PDB file of N, CA and C in Angstrom:
ATOM      1  N   MET A   1      62.539  43.582  11.259  1.00  0.00           N
ATOM      2  CA  MET A   1      62.226  45.002  11.216  1.00  0.00           C
ATOM      3  C   MET A   1      61.497  45.373  12.509  1.00  0.00           C
ATOM      4  N   GLN A   2      61.901  46.448  13.123  1.00  0.00           N
ATOM      5  CA  GLN A   2      61.263  46.948  14.345  1.00  0.00           C
ATOM      6  C   GLN A   2      60.304  48.083  13.982  1.00  0.00           C
ATOM      7  N   LEU A   3      59.203  48.188  14.729  1.00  0.00           N
ATOM      8  CA  LEU A   3      58.215  49.243  14.502  1.00  0.00           C
ATOM      9  C   LEU A   3      58.198  50.208  15.681  1.00  0.00           C
ATOM     10  N   ALA A   4      57.990  51.490  15.378  1.00  0.00           N
ATOM     11  CA  ALA A   4      57.743  52.512  16.399  1.00  0.00           C
ATOM     12  C   ALA A   4      56.300  52.965  16.224  1.00  0.00           C
ATOM     13  N   THR A   5      55.574  53.105  17.321  1.00  0.00           N
ATOM     14  CA  THR A   5      54.175  53.514  17.239  1.00  0.00           C
ATOM     15  C   THR A   5      53.981  54.873  17.897  1.00  0.00           C
ATOM     16  N   TYR A   6      52.995  55.607  17.414  1.00  0.00           N
ATOM     17  CA  TYR A   6      52.639  56.896  17.992  1.00  0.00           C
ATOM     18  C   TYR A   6      51.204  57.223  17.624  1.00  0.00           C
ATOM     19  N   VAL A   7      50.654  58.236  18.294  1.00  0.00           N
ATOM     20  CA  VAL A   7      49.292  58.693  18.037  1.00  0.00           C
ATOM     21  C   VAL A   7      49.370  60.083  17.433  1.00  0.00           C
ATOM     22  N   ARG A   8      48.597  60.305  16.393  1.00  0.00           N
ATOM     23  CA  ARG A   8      48.508  61.612  15.734  1.00  0.00           C
ATOM     24  C   ARG A   8      47.148  62.211  16.050  1.00  0.00           C
ATOM     25  N   LEU A   9      47.124  63.498  16.411  1.00  0.00           N
ATOM     26  CA  LEU A   9      45.884  64.249  16.604  1.00  0.00           C
ATOM     27  C   LEU A   9      45.850  65.314  15.514  1.00  0.00           C
ATOM     28  N   PHE A  10      44.814  65.287  14.675  1.00  0.00           N
ATOM     29  CA  PHE A  10      44.758  66.190  13.530  1.00  0.00           C
ATOM     30  C   PHE A  10      43.356  66.756  13.369  1.00  0.00           C
ATOM     31  N   ALA A  11      43.244  67.840  12.620  1.00  0.00           N
ATOM     32  CA  ALA A  11      41.956  68.450  12.306  1.00  0.00           C
ATOM     33  C   ALA A  11      41.579  68.106  10.873  1.00  0.00           C
ATOM     34  N   ASP A  12      40.310  67.723  10.678  1.00  0.00           N
ATOM     35  CA  ASP A  12      39.842  67.447   9.320  1.00  0.00           C
ATOM     36  C   ASP A  12      39.398  68.749   8.646  1.00  0.00           C
ATOM     37  N   ALA A  13      38.894  68.649   7.422  1.00  0.00           N
ATOM     38  CA  ALA A  13      38.516  69.834   6.647  1.00  0.00           C
ATOM     39  C   ALA A  13      37.389  70.629   7.291  1.00  0.00           C
ATOM     40  N   GLN A  14      36.604  69.988   8.153  1.00  0.00           N
ATOM     41  CA  GLN A  14      35.516  70.680   8.855  1.00  0.00           C
ATOM     42  C   GLN A  14      35.957  71.248  10.202  1.00  0.00           C
ATOM     43  N   GLY A  15      37.250  71.092  10.554  1.00  0.00           N
ATOM     44  CA  GLY A  15      37.775  71.627  11.799  1.00  0.00           C
ATOM     45  C   GLY A  15      37.611  70.718  13.004  1.00  0.00           C
ATOM     46  N   GLU A  16      37.147  69.491  12.783  1.00  0.00           N
ATOM     47  CA  GLU A  16      36.969  68.528  13.876  1.00  0.00           C
ATOM     48  C   GLU A  16      38.291  67.807  14.097  1.00  0.00           C
ATOM     49  N   SER A  17      38.702  67.638  15.351  1.00  0.00           N
ATOM     50  CA  SER A  17      39.953  66.931  15.630  1.00  0.00           C
ATOM     51  C   SER A  17      39.679  65.454  15.880  1.00  0.00           C
ATOM     52  N   HIS A  18      40.639  64.613  15.436  1.00  0.00           N
ATOM     53  CA  HIS A  18      40.527  63.156  15.522  1.00  0.00           C
ATOM     54  C   HIS A  18      41.895  62.564  15.856  1.00  0.00           C
ATOM     55  N   PHE A  19      41.879  61.385  16.491  1.00  0.00           N
ATOM     56  CA  PHE A  19      43.098  60.625  16.743  1.00  0.00           C
ATOM     57  C   PHE A  19      43.318  59.631  15.609  1.00  0.00           C
ATOM     58  N   GLU A  20      44.587  59.313  15.361  1.00  0.00           N
ATOM     59  CA  GLU A  20      44.962  58.291  14.387  1.00  0.00           C
ATOM     60  C   GLU A  20      46.168  57.539  14.931  1.00  0.00           C
ATOM     61  N   ASP A  21      46.095  56.210  14.979  1.00  0.00           N
ATOM     62  CA  ASP A  21      47.230  55.385  15.404  1.00  0.00           C
ATOM     63  C   ASP A  21      48.126  55.144  14.205  1.00  0.00           C
ATOM     64  N   LEU A  22      49.413  55.440  14.361  1.00  0.00           N
ATOM     65  CA  LEU A  22      50.373  55.286  13.268  1.00  0.00           C
ATOM     66  C   LEU A  22      51.581  54.489  13.732  1.00  0.00           C
ATOM     67  N   GLN A  23      52.296  53.959  12.769  1.00  0.00           N
ATOM     68  CA  GLN A  23      53.549  53.269  13.056  1.00  0.00           C
ATOM     69  C   GLN A  23      54.529  53.519  11.926  1.00  0.00           C
ATOM     70  N   MET A  24      55.785  53.371  12.260  1.00  0.00           N
ATOM     71  CA  MET A  24      56.811  53.525  11.230  1.00  0.00           C
ATOM     72  C   MET A  24      57.854  52.437  11.406  1.00  0.00           C
ATOM     73  N   ASP A  25      58.446  52.026  10.286  1.00  0.00           N
ATOM     74  CA  ASP A  25      59.495  51.014  10.298  1.00  0.00           C
ATOM     75  C   ASP A  25      60.805  51.635  10.743  1.00  0.00           C
ATOM     76  N   LEU A  26      61.551  50.879  11.517  1.00  0.00           N
ATOM     77  CA  LEU A  26      62.910  51.252  11.884  1.00  0.00           C
ATOM     78  C   LEU A  26      63.848  50.262  11.213  1.00  0.00           C
ATOM     79  N   ALA A  27      64.883  50.764  10.582  1.00  0.00           N
ATOM     80  CA  ALA A  27      65.816  49.918   9.839  1.00  0.00           C
ATOM     81  C   ALA A  27      67.187  49.930  10.510  1.00  0.00           C
ATOM     82  N   PRO A  28      67.915  48.818  10.421  1.00  0.00           N
ATOM     83  CA  PRO A  28      69.260  48.771  11.003  1.00  0.00           C
ATOM     84  C   PRO A  28      70.184  49.794  10.338  1.00  0.00           C
ATOM     85  N   VAL A  29      70.909  50.532  11.178  1.00  0.00           N
ATOM     86  CA  VAL A  29      71.826  51.571  10.710  1.00  0.00           C
ATOM     87  C   VAL A  29      73.096  51.500  11.542  1.00  0.00           C
ATOM     88  N   ASP A  30      74.244  51.666  10.884  1.00  0.00           N
ATOM     89  CA  ASP A  30      75.512  51.784  11.616  1.00  0.00           C
ATOM     90  C   ASP A  30      75.555  53.178  12.208  1.00  0.00           C
ATOM     91  N   PHE A  31      74.941  53.339  13.354  1.00  0.00           N
ATOM     92  CA  PHE A  31      74.728  54.644  13.969  1.00  0.00           C
ATOM     93  C   PHE A  31      75.965  55.154  14.703  1.00  0.00           C
ATOM     94  N   ALA A  32      76.679  54.263  15.389  1.00  0.00           N
ATOM     95  CA  ALA A  32      77.847  54.669  16.176  1.00  0.00           C
ATOM     96  C   ALA A  32      78.939  53.611  16.077  1.00  0.00           C
ATOM     97  N   PRO A  33      79.496  53.420  14.850  1.00  0.00           N
ATOM     98  CA  PRO A  33      80.536  52.411  14.696  1.00  0.00           C
ATOM     99  C   PRO A  33      81.702  52.677  15.653  1.00  0.00           C
ATOM    100  N   PRO A  34      82.312  51.683  16.181  1.00  0.00           N
ATOM    101  CA  PRO A  34      82.223  50.272  15.818  1.00  0.00           C
ATOM    102  C   PRO A  34      81.124  49.508  16.569  1.00  0.00           C
ATOM    103  N   ALA A  35      80.241  50.189  17.285  1.00  0.00           N
ATOM    104  CA  ALA A  35      79.136  49.500  17.945  1.00  0.00           C
ATOM    105  C   ALA A  35      78.250  48.826  16.902  1.00  0.00           C
ATOM    106  N   ALA A  36      77.536  47.811  17.319  1.00  0.00           N
ATOM    107  CA  ALA A  36      76.626  47.093  16.423  1.00  0.00           C
ATOM    108  C   ALA A  36      75.522  48.037  15.930  1.00  0.00           C
ATOM    109  N   PRO A  37      74.956  47.761  14.772  1.00  0.00           N
ATOM    110  CA  PRO A  37      73.871  48.599  14.250  1.00  0.00           C
ATOM    111  C   PRO A  37      72.688  48.664  15.217  1.00  0.00           C
ATOM    112  N   VAL A  38      71.975  49.777  15.158  1.00  0.00           N
ATOM    113  CA  VAL A  38      70.729  49.963  15.906  1.00  0.00           C
ATOM    114  C   VAL A  38      69.626  50.278  14.908  1.00  0.00           C
ATOM    115  N   ASN A  39      68.390  50.083  15.317  1.00  0.00           N
ATOM    116  CA  ASN A  39      67.259  50.367  14.438  1.00  0.00           C
ATOM    117  C   ASN A  39      66.903  51.837  14.530  1.00  0.00           C
ATOM    118  N   LEU A  40      66.768  52.488  13.371  1.00  0.00           N
ATOM    119  CA  LEU A  40      66.613  53.931  13.322  1.00  0.00           C
ATOM    120  C   LEU A  40      65.554  54.302  12.281  1.00  0.00           C
ATOM    121  N   GLY A  41      64.826  55.387  12.549  1.00  0.00           N
ATOM    122  CA  GLY A  41      63.860  55.908  11.599  1.00  0.00           C
ATOM    123  C   GLY A  41      63.688  57.402  11.814  1.00  0.00           C
ATOM    124  N   GLN A  42      63.671  58.186  10.756  1.00  0.00           N
ATOM    125  CA  GLN A  42      63.473  59.633  10.833  1.00  0.00           C
ATOM    126  C   GLN A  42      62.032  59.906  11.215  1.00  0.00           C
ATOM    127  N   PHE A  43      61.793  60.570  12.337  1.00  0.00           N
ATOM    128  CA  PHE A  43      60.433  60.866  12.764  1.00  0.00           C
ATOM    129  C   PHE A  43      60.014  62.229  12.238  1.00  0.00           C
ATOM    130  N   LEU A  44      60.524  63.293  12.814  1.00  0.00           N
ATOM    131  CA  LEU A  44      60.221  64.656  12.374  1.00  0.00           C
ATOM    132  C   LEU A  44      61.497  65.474  12.384  1.00  0.00           C
ATOM    133  N   PRO A  45      61.640  66.395  11.443  1.00  0.00           N
ATOM    134  CA  PRO A  45      62.742  67.348  11.571  1.00  0.00           C
ATOM    135  C   PRO A  45      62.458  68.232  12.788  1.00  0.00           C
ATOM    136  N   THR A  46      63.492  68.604  13.503  1.00  0.00           N
ATOM    137  CA  THR A  46      63.313  69.362  14.740  1.00  0.00           C
ATOM    138  C   THR A  46      63.986  70.721  14.641  1.00  0.00           C
ATOM    139  N   ALA A  47      63.206  71.756  14.872  1.00  0.00           N
ATOM    140  CA  ALA A  47      63.760  73.106  14.928  1.00  0.00           C
ATOM    141  C   ALA A  47      64.192  73.435  16.359  1.00  0.00           C
ATOM    142  N   HIS A  48      63.408  72.980  17.325  1.00  0.00           N
ATOM    143  CA  HIS A  48      63.689  73.224  18.740  1.00  0.00           C
ATOM    144  C   HIS A  48      63.216  72.016  19.528  1.00  0.00           C
ATOM    145  N   SER A  49      63.783  71.814  20.692  1.00  0.00           N
ATOM    146  CA  SER A  49      63.259  70.798  21.600  1.00  0.00           C
ATOM    147  C   SER A  49      63.232  71.388  23.002  1.00  0.00           C
ATOM    148  N   TYR A  50      62.203  71.016  23.749  1.00  0.00           N
ATOM    149  CA  TYR A  50      61.987  71.548  25.090  1.00  0.00           C
ATOM    150  C   TYR A  50      61.519  70.439  26.012  1.00  0.00           C
ATOM    151  N   TYR A  51      61.838  70.572  27.274  1.00  0.00           N
ATOM    152  CA  TYR A  51      61.163  69.806  28.308  1.00  0.00           C
ATOM    153  C   TYR A  51      59.929  70.602  28.701  1.00  0.00           C
ATOM    154  N   VAL A  52      58.811  69.923  28.895  1.00  0.00           N
ATOM    155  CA  VAL A  52      57.592  70.555  29.364  1.00  0.00           C
ATOM    156  C   VAL A  52      57.213  69.849  30.657  1.00  0.00           C
ATOM    157  N   GLY A  53      57.181  70.592  31.753  1.00  0.00           N
ATOM    158  CA  GLY A  53      56.807  70.041  33.044  1.00  0.00           C
ATOM    159  C   GLY A  53      55.455  70.569  33.476  1.00  0.00           C
ATOM    160  N   VAL A  54      54.594  69.670  33.905  1.00  0.00           N
ATOM    161  CA  VAL A  54      53.257  70.050  34.351  1.00  0.00           C
ATOM    162  C   VAL A  54      53.071  69.495  35.762  1.00  0.00           C
ATOM    163  N   PRO A  55      52.928  70.382  36.764  1.00  0.00           N
ATOM    164  CA  PRO A  55      52.798  69.896  38.140  1.00  0.00           C
ATOM    165  C   PRO A  55      51.420  69.296  38.410  1.00  0.00           C
ATOM    166  N   VAL A  56      51.383  68.375  39.368  1.00  0.00           N
ATOM    167  CA  VAL A  56      50.115  67.787  39.809  1.00  0.00           C
ATOM    168  C   VAL A  56      49.161  68.922  40.175  1.00  0.00           C
ATOM    169  N   GLY A  57      47.914  68.802  39.740  1.00  0.00           N
ATOM    170  CA  GLY A  57      46.906  69.803  40.066  1.00  0.00           C
ATOM    171  C   GLY A  57      46.709  70.868  39.014  1.00  0.00           C
ATOM    172  N   TRP A  58      47.626  70.958  38.028  1.00  0.00           N
ATOM    173  CA  TRP A  58      47.477  71.950  36.953  1.00  0.00           C
ATOM    174  C   TRP A  58      46.383  71.478  36.010  1.00  0.00           C
ATOM    175  N   HIS A  59      45.514  72.381  35.566  1.00  0.00           N
ATOM    176  CA  HIS A  59      44.400  72.008  34.700  1.00  0.00           C
ATOM    177  C   HIS A  59      44.407  72.835  33.426  1.00  0.00           C
ATOM    178  N   ASP A  60      44.148  72.179  32.314  1.00  0.00           N
ATOM    179  CA  ASP A  60      44.013  72.818  31.012  1.00  0.00           C
ATOM    180  C   ASP A  60      42.890  72.121  30.271  1.00  0.00           C
ATOM    181  N   GLU A  61      41.679  72.315  30.737  1.00  0.00           N
ATOM    182  CA  GLU A  61      40.559  71.607  30.141  1.00  0.00           C
ATOM    183  C   GLU A  61      39.760  72.480  29.191  1.00  0.00           C
ATOM    184  N   VAL A  62      40.349  73.599  28.758  1.00  0.00           N
ATOM    185  CA  VAL A  62      39.720  74.470  27.779  1.00  0.00           C
ATOM    186  C   VAL A  62      40.083  73.940  26.391  1.00  0.00           C
ATOM    187  N   THR A  63      39.094  73.772  25.527  1.00  0.00           N
ATOM    188  CA  THR A  63      39.356  73.274  24.173  1.00  0.00           C
ATOM    189  C   THR A  63      40.103  74.338  23.372  1.00  0.00           C
ATOM    190  N   HIS A  64      41.179  73.908  22.722  1.00  0.00           N
ATOM    191  CA  HIS A  64      42.028  74.823  21.956  1.00  0.00           C
ATOM    192  C   HIS A  64      42.788  74.036  20.891  1.00  0.00           C
ATOM    193  N   PRO A  65      43.146  74.672  19.757  1.00  0.00           N
ATOM    194  CA  PRO A  65      44.027  74.014  18.794  1.00  0.00           C
ATOM    195  C   PRO A  65      45.472  74.094  19.304  1.00  0.00           C
ATOM    196  N   SER A  66      46.308  73.221  18.784  1.00  0.00           N
ATOM    197  CA  SER A  66      47.732  73.265  19.118  1.00  0.00           C
ATOM    198  C   SER A  66      48.337  74.534  18.510  1.00  0.00           C
ATOM    199  N   PRO A  67      49.196  75.245  19.226  1.00  0.00           N
ATOM    200  CA  PRO A  67      49.767  76.482  18.682  1.00  0.00           C
ATOM    201  C   PRO A  67      50.750  76.247  17.533  1.00  0.00           C
ATOM    202  N   ARG A  68      51.218  75.010  17.400  1.00  0.00           N
ATOM    203  CA  ARG A  68      52.158  74.655  16.330  1.00  0.00           C
ATOM    204  C   ARG A  68      52.185  73.140  16.231  1.00  0.00           C
ATOM    205  N   ARG A  69      52.704  72.627  15.142  1.00  0.00           N
ATOM    206  CA  ARG A  69      52.905  71.176  15.022  1.00  0.00           C
ATOM    207  C   ARG A  69      53.992  70.792  16.024  1.00  0.00           C
ATOM    208  N   GLN A  70      53.692  69.815  16.848  1.00  0.00           N
ATOM    209  CA  GLN A  70      54.648  69.424  17.873  1.00  0.00           C
ATOM    210  C   GLN A  70      54.411  67.990  18.305  1.00  0.00           C
ATOM    211  N   SER A  71      55.453  67.358  18.801  1.00  0.00           N
ATOM    212  CA  SER A  71      55.302  66.005  19.325  1.00  0.00           C
ATOM    213  C   SER A  71      55.678  66.016  20.801  1.00  0.00           C
ATOM    214  N   TYR A  72      54.968  65.201  21.558  1.00  0.00           N
ATOM    215  CA  TYR A  72      55.234  65.036  22.983  1.00  0.00           C
ATOM    216  C   TYR A  72      55.613  63.589  23.242  1.00  0.00           C
ATOM    217  N   SER A  73      56.808  63.390  23.766  1.00  0.00           N
ATOM    218  CA  SER A  73      57.246  62.081  24.244  1.00  0.00           C
ATOM    219  C   SER A  73      57.113  62.140  25.755  1.00  0.00           C
ATOM    220  N   ASN A  74      56.180  61.357  26.288  1.00  0.00           N
ATOM    221  CA  ASN A  74      55.872  61.431  27.708  1.00  0.00           C
ATOM    222  C   ASN A  74      56.873  60.613  28.514  1.00  0.00           C
ATOM    223  N   LEU A  75      57.425  61.234  29.529  1.00  0.00           N
ATOM    224  CA  LEU A  75      58.357  60.573  30.438  1.00  0.00           C
ATOM    225  C   LEU A  75      57.523  60.112  31.641  1.00  0.00           C
ATOM    226  N   PRO A  76      57.671  60.644  32.863  1.00  0.00           N
ATOM    227  CA  PRO A  76      56.753  60.232  33.930  1.00  0.00           C
ATOM    228  C   PRO A  76      55.439  61.009  33.870  1.00  0.00           C
ATOM    229  N   GLY A  77      54.425  60.472  34.543  1.00  0.00           N
ATOM    230  CA  GLY A  77      53.137  61.137  34.634  1.00  0.00           C
ATOM    231  C   GLY A  77      52.141  60.602  33.626  1.00  0.00           C
ATOM    232  N   GLU A  78      50.906  61.090  33.756  1.00  0.00           N
ATOM    233  CA  GLU A  78      49.829  60.594  32.914  1.00  0.00           C
ATOM    234  C   GLU A  78      48.826  61.712  32.654  1.00  0.00           C
ATOM    235  N   TYR A  79      48.275  61.725  31.440  1.00  0.00           N
ATOM    236  CA  TYR A  79      47.265  62.724  31.086  1.00  0.00           C
ATOM    237  C   TYR A  79      46.308  62.149  30.053  1.00  0.00           C
ATOM    238  N   GLU A  80      45.149  62.803  29.908  1.00  0.00           N
ATOM    239  CA  GLU A  80      44.160  62.438  28.916  1.00  0.00           C
ATOM    240  C   GLU A  80      43.964  63.610  27.966  1.00  0.00           C
ATOM    241  N   VAL A  81      43.750  63.305  26.697  1.00  0.00           N
ATOM    242  CA  VAL A  81      43.429  64.310  25.694  1.00  0.00           C
ATOM    243  C   VAL A  81      42.071  63.958  25.108  1.00  0.00           C
ATOM    244  N   THR A  82      41.206  64.966  24.999  1.00  0.00           N
ATOM    245  CA  THR A  82      39.895  64.782  24.388  1.00  0.00           C
ATOM    246  C   THR A  82      39.875  65.539  23.070  1.00  0.00           C
ATOM    247  N   ALA A  83      39.691  64.796  21.971  1.00  0.00           N
ATOM    248  CA  ALA A  83      39.557  65.419  20.649  1.00  0.00           C
ATOM    249  C   ALA A  83      38.183  66.056  20.556  1.00  0.00           C
ATOM    250  N   SER A  84      38.027  67.008  19.649  1.00  0.00           N
ATOM    251  CA  SER A  84      36.728  67.679  19.533  1.00  0.00           C
ATOM    252  C   SER A  84      35.621  66.730  19.070  1.00  0.00           C
ATOM    253  N   ASP A  85      35.985  65.572  18.492  1.00  0.00           N
ATOM    254  CA  ASP A  85      34.960  64.594  18.116  1.00  0.00           C
ATOM    255  C   ASP A  85      34.480  63.775  19.310  1.00  0.00           C
ATOM    256  N   GLY A  86      35.044  64.040  20.499  1.00  0.00           N
ATOM    257  CA  GLY A  86      34.617  63.377  21.730  1.00  0.00           C
ATOM    258  C   GLY A  86      35.470  62.203  22.162  1.00  0.00           C
ATOM    259  N   GLU A  87      36.350  61.698  21.292  1.00  0.00           N
ATOM    260  CA  GLU A  87      37.199  60.571  21.673  1.00  0.00           C
ATOM    261  C   GLU A  87      38.230  61.017  22.700  1.00  0.00           C
ATOM    262  N   VAL A  88      38.456  60.180  23.709  1.00  0.00           N
ATOM    263  CA  VAL A  88      39.412  60.457  24.776  1.00  0.00           C
ATOM    264  C   VAL A  88      40.508  59.400  24.722  1.00  0.00           C
ATOM    265  N   ARG A  89      41.753  59.842  24.789  1.00  0.00           N
ATOM    266  CA  ARG A  89      42.895  58.926  24.842  1.00  0.00           C
ATOM    267  C   ARG A  89      43.727  59.277  26.071  1.00  0.00           C
ATOM    268  N   ARG A  90      44.245  58.243  26.722  1.00  0.00           N
ATOM    269  CA  ARG A  90      45.116  58.415  27.892  1.00  0.00           C
ATOM    270  C   ARG A  90      46.556  58.153  27.463  1.00  0.00           C
ATOM    271  N   PHE A  91      47.474  58.999  27.919  1.00  0.00           N
ATOM    272  CA  PHE A  91      48.882  58.894  27.579  1.00  0.00           C
ATOM    273  C   PHE A  91      49.702  58.777  28.861  1.00  0.00           C
ATOM    274  N   GLY A  92      50.434  57.689  28.957  1.00  0.00           N
ATOM    275  CA  GLY A  92      51.294  57.449  30.113  1.00  0.00           C
ATOM    276  C   GLY A  92      52.752  57.477  29.710  1.00  0.00           C
ATOM    277  N   ALA A  93      53.598  57.105  30.650  1.00  0.00           N
ATOM    278  CA  ALA A  93      55.036  57.086  30.400  1.00  0.00           C
ATOM    279  C   ALA A  93      55.351  56.239  29.167  1.00  0.00           C
ATOM    280  N   GLY A  94      56.192  56.762  28.299  1.00  0.00           N
ATOM    281  CA  GLY A  94      56.606  56.061  27.098  1.00  0.00           C
ATOM    282  C   GLY A  94      55.745  56.330  25.874  1.00  0.00           C
ATOM    283  N   SER A  95      54.657  57.061  26.029  1.00  0.00           N
ATOM    284  CA  SER A  95      53.781  57.333  24.885  1.00  0.00           C
ATOM    285  C   SER A  95      54.296  58.514  24.072  1.00  0.00           C
ATOM    286  N   VAL A  96      53.915  58.540  22.804  1.00  0.00           N
ATOM    287  CA  VAL A  96      54.290  59.631  21.897  1.00  0.00           C
ATOM    288  C   VAL A  96      53.013  60.144  21.236  1.00  0.00           C
ATOM    289  N   LEU A  97      52.807  61.463  21.314  1.00  0.00           N
ATOM    290  CA  LEU A  97      51.643  62.114  20.717  1.00  0.00           C
ATOM    291  C   LEU A  97      52.121  63.197  19.762  1.00  0.00           C
ATOM    292  N   LEU A  98      51.678  63.123  18.514  1.00  0.00           N
ATOM    293  CA  LEU A  98      51.988  64.129  17.509  1.00  0.00           C
ATOM    294  C   LEU A  98      50.769  65.035  17.367  1.00  0.00           C
ATOM    295  N   LEU A  99      50.911  66.300  17.746  1.00  0.00           N
ATOM    296  CA  LEU A  99      49.819  67.266  17.673  1.00  0.00           C
ATOM    297  C   LEU A  99      49.900  68.020  16.352  1.00  0.00           C
ATOM    298  N   GLU A 100      48.872  67.829  15.525  1.00  0.00           N
ATOM    299  CA  GLU A 100      48.788  68.525  14.250  1.00  0.00           C
ATOM    300  C   GLU A 100      47.442  69.220  14.089  1.00  0.00           C
ATOM    301  N   ASP A 101      46.688  69.360  15.165  1.00  0.00           N
ATOM    302  CA  ASP A 101      45.387  70.042  15.093  1.00  0.00           C
ATOM    303  C   ASP A 101      45.583  71.545  15.330  1.00  0.00           C
ATOM    304  N   THR A 102      46.318  72.164  14.413  1.00  0.00           N
ATOM    305  CA  THR A 102      46.673  73.583  14.557  1.00  0.00           C
ATOM    306  C   THR A 102      45.571  74.516  14.071  1.00  0.00           C
ATOM    307  N   THR A 103      44.521  73.964  13.511  1.00  0.00           N
ATOM    308  CA  THR A 103      43.351  74.738  13.094  1.00  0.00           C
ATOM    309  C   THR A 103      42.114  74.029  13.618  1.00  0.00           C
ATOM    310  N   GLY A 104      40.983  74.681  13.526  1.00  0.00           N
ATOM    311  CA  GLY A 104      39.733  74.041  13.900  1.00  0.00           C
ATOM    312  C   GLY A 104      39.442  74.133  15.390  1.00  0.00           C
ATOM    313  N   LYS A 105      38.608  73.198  15.859  1.00  0.00           N
ATOM    314  CA  LYS A 105      38.111  73.228  17.234  1.00  0.00           C
ATOM    315  C   LYS A 105      39.161  72.858  18.268  1.00  0.00           C
ATOM    316  N   GLY A 106      40.091  71.971  17.930  1.00  0.00           N
ATOM    317  CA  GLY A 106      41.167  71.616  18.841  1.00  0.00           C
ATOM    318  C   GLY A 106      40.840  70.476  19.780  1.00  0.00           C
ATOM    319  N   HIS A 107      41.452  70.515  20.950  1.00  0.00           N
ATOM    320  CA  HIS A 107      41.380  69.445  21.929  1.00  0.00           C
ATOM    321  C   HIS A 107      41.464  70.049  23.328  1.00  0.00           C
ATOM    322  N   SER A 108      41.215  69.227  24.327  1.00  0.00           N
ATOM    323  CA  SER A 108      41.446  69.638  25.715  1.00  0.00           C
ATOM    324  C   SER A 108      42.300  68.578  26.396  1.00  0.00           C
ATOM    325  N   THR A 109      42.964  68.963  27.477  1.00  0.00           N
ATOM    326  CA  THR A 109      43.883  68.074  28.184  1.00  0.00           C
ATOM    327  C   THR A 109      43.513  68.038  29.657  1.00  0.00           C
ATOM    328  N   HIS A 110      43.538  66.845  30.214  1.00  0.00           N
ATOM    329  CA  HIS A 110      43.251  66.656  31.636  1.00  0.00           C
ATOM    330  C   HIS A 110      44.386  65.821  32.225  1.00  0.00           C
ATOM    331  N   PHE A 111      45.059  66.355  33.231  1.00  0.00           N
ATOM    332  CA  PHE A 111      46.170  65.647  33.861  1.00  0.00           C
ATOM    333  C   PHE A 111      45.606  64.780  34.974  1.00  0.00           C
ATOM    334  N   THR A 112      45.817  63.466  34.854  1.00  0.00           N
ATOM    335  CA  THR A 112      45.091  62.496  35.650  1.00  0.00           C
ATOM    336  C   THR A 112      45.904  61.831  36.749  1.00  0.00           C
ATOM    337  N   GLY A 113      47.198  61.883  36.689  1.00  0.00           N
ATOM    338  CA  GLY A 113      48.015  61.132  37.635  1.00  0.00           C
ATOM    339  C   GLY A 113      48.255  61.866  38.939  1.00  0.00           C
ATOM    340  N   ASP A 114      48.963  61.192  39.830  1.00  0.00           N
ATOM    341  CA  ASP A 114      49.311  61.786  41.111  1.00  0.00           C
ATOM    342  C   ASP A 114      50.782  62.154  41.180  1.00  0.00           C
ATOM    343  N   GLU A 115      51.411  62.263  39.997  1.00  0.00           N
ATOM    344  CA  GLU A 115      52.798  62.721  39.921  1.00  0.00           C
ATOM    345  C   GLU A 115      52.900  63.753  38.802  1.00  0.00           C
ATOM    346  N   ASP A 116      53.896  64.609  38.889  1.00  0.00           N
ATOM    347  CA  ASP A 116      54.131  65.620  37.856  1.00  0.00           C
ATOM    348  C   ASP A 116      54.341  64.924  36.508  1.00  0.00           C
ATOM    349  N   VAL A 117      53.892  65.580  35.438  1.00  0.00           N
ATOM    350  CA  VAL A 117      54.103  65.091  34.080  1.00  0.00           C
ATOM    351  C   VAL A 117      55.358  65.767  33.542  1.00  0.00           C
ATOM    352  N   LEU A 118      56.196  64.998  32.885  1.00  0.00           N
ATOM    353  CA  LEU A 118      57.376  65.545  32.206  1.00  0.00           C
ATOM    354  C   LEU A 118      57.378  64.996  30.789  1.00  0.00           C
ATOM    355  N   MET A 119      57.410  65.919  29.820  1.00  0.00           N
ATOM    356  CA  MET A 119      57.392  65.555  28.404  1.00  0.00           C
ATOM    357  C   MET A 119      58.594  66.190  27.719  1.00  0.00           C
ATOM    358  N   LEU A 120      59.012  65.591  26.626  1.00  0.00           N
ATOM    359  CA  LEU A 120      60.085  66.137  25.797  1.00  0.00           C
ATOM    360  C   LEU A 120      59.508  66.363  24.424  1.00  0.00           C
TER     361      LEU A 120
END
């Protein structure tokens, strides 16, 4: 069994945002027969998908809640997110962040790398 890992950012009942490390099982599925099975797992239903590009030097360090539940799969670039509880996490290429802090104090973001960030 293969595992997929991601980080969840959520708000508790008092409006404080926190990180949580999560994982999900991926199971073999005949995804594209006659090719061999691949490991698959339903992550989130998707209404829309977008590329989000953030150029080097752009700053968003104002604390805010997420405008909607959304996930970011980071391609190139690097950034840090600070939860309202003070914990800081760094996200680089290949990381997945699920933003669910749509209420409460929220989080802030600091872009730390020397290359543009591209997320899906």
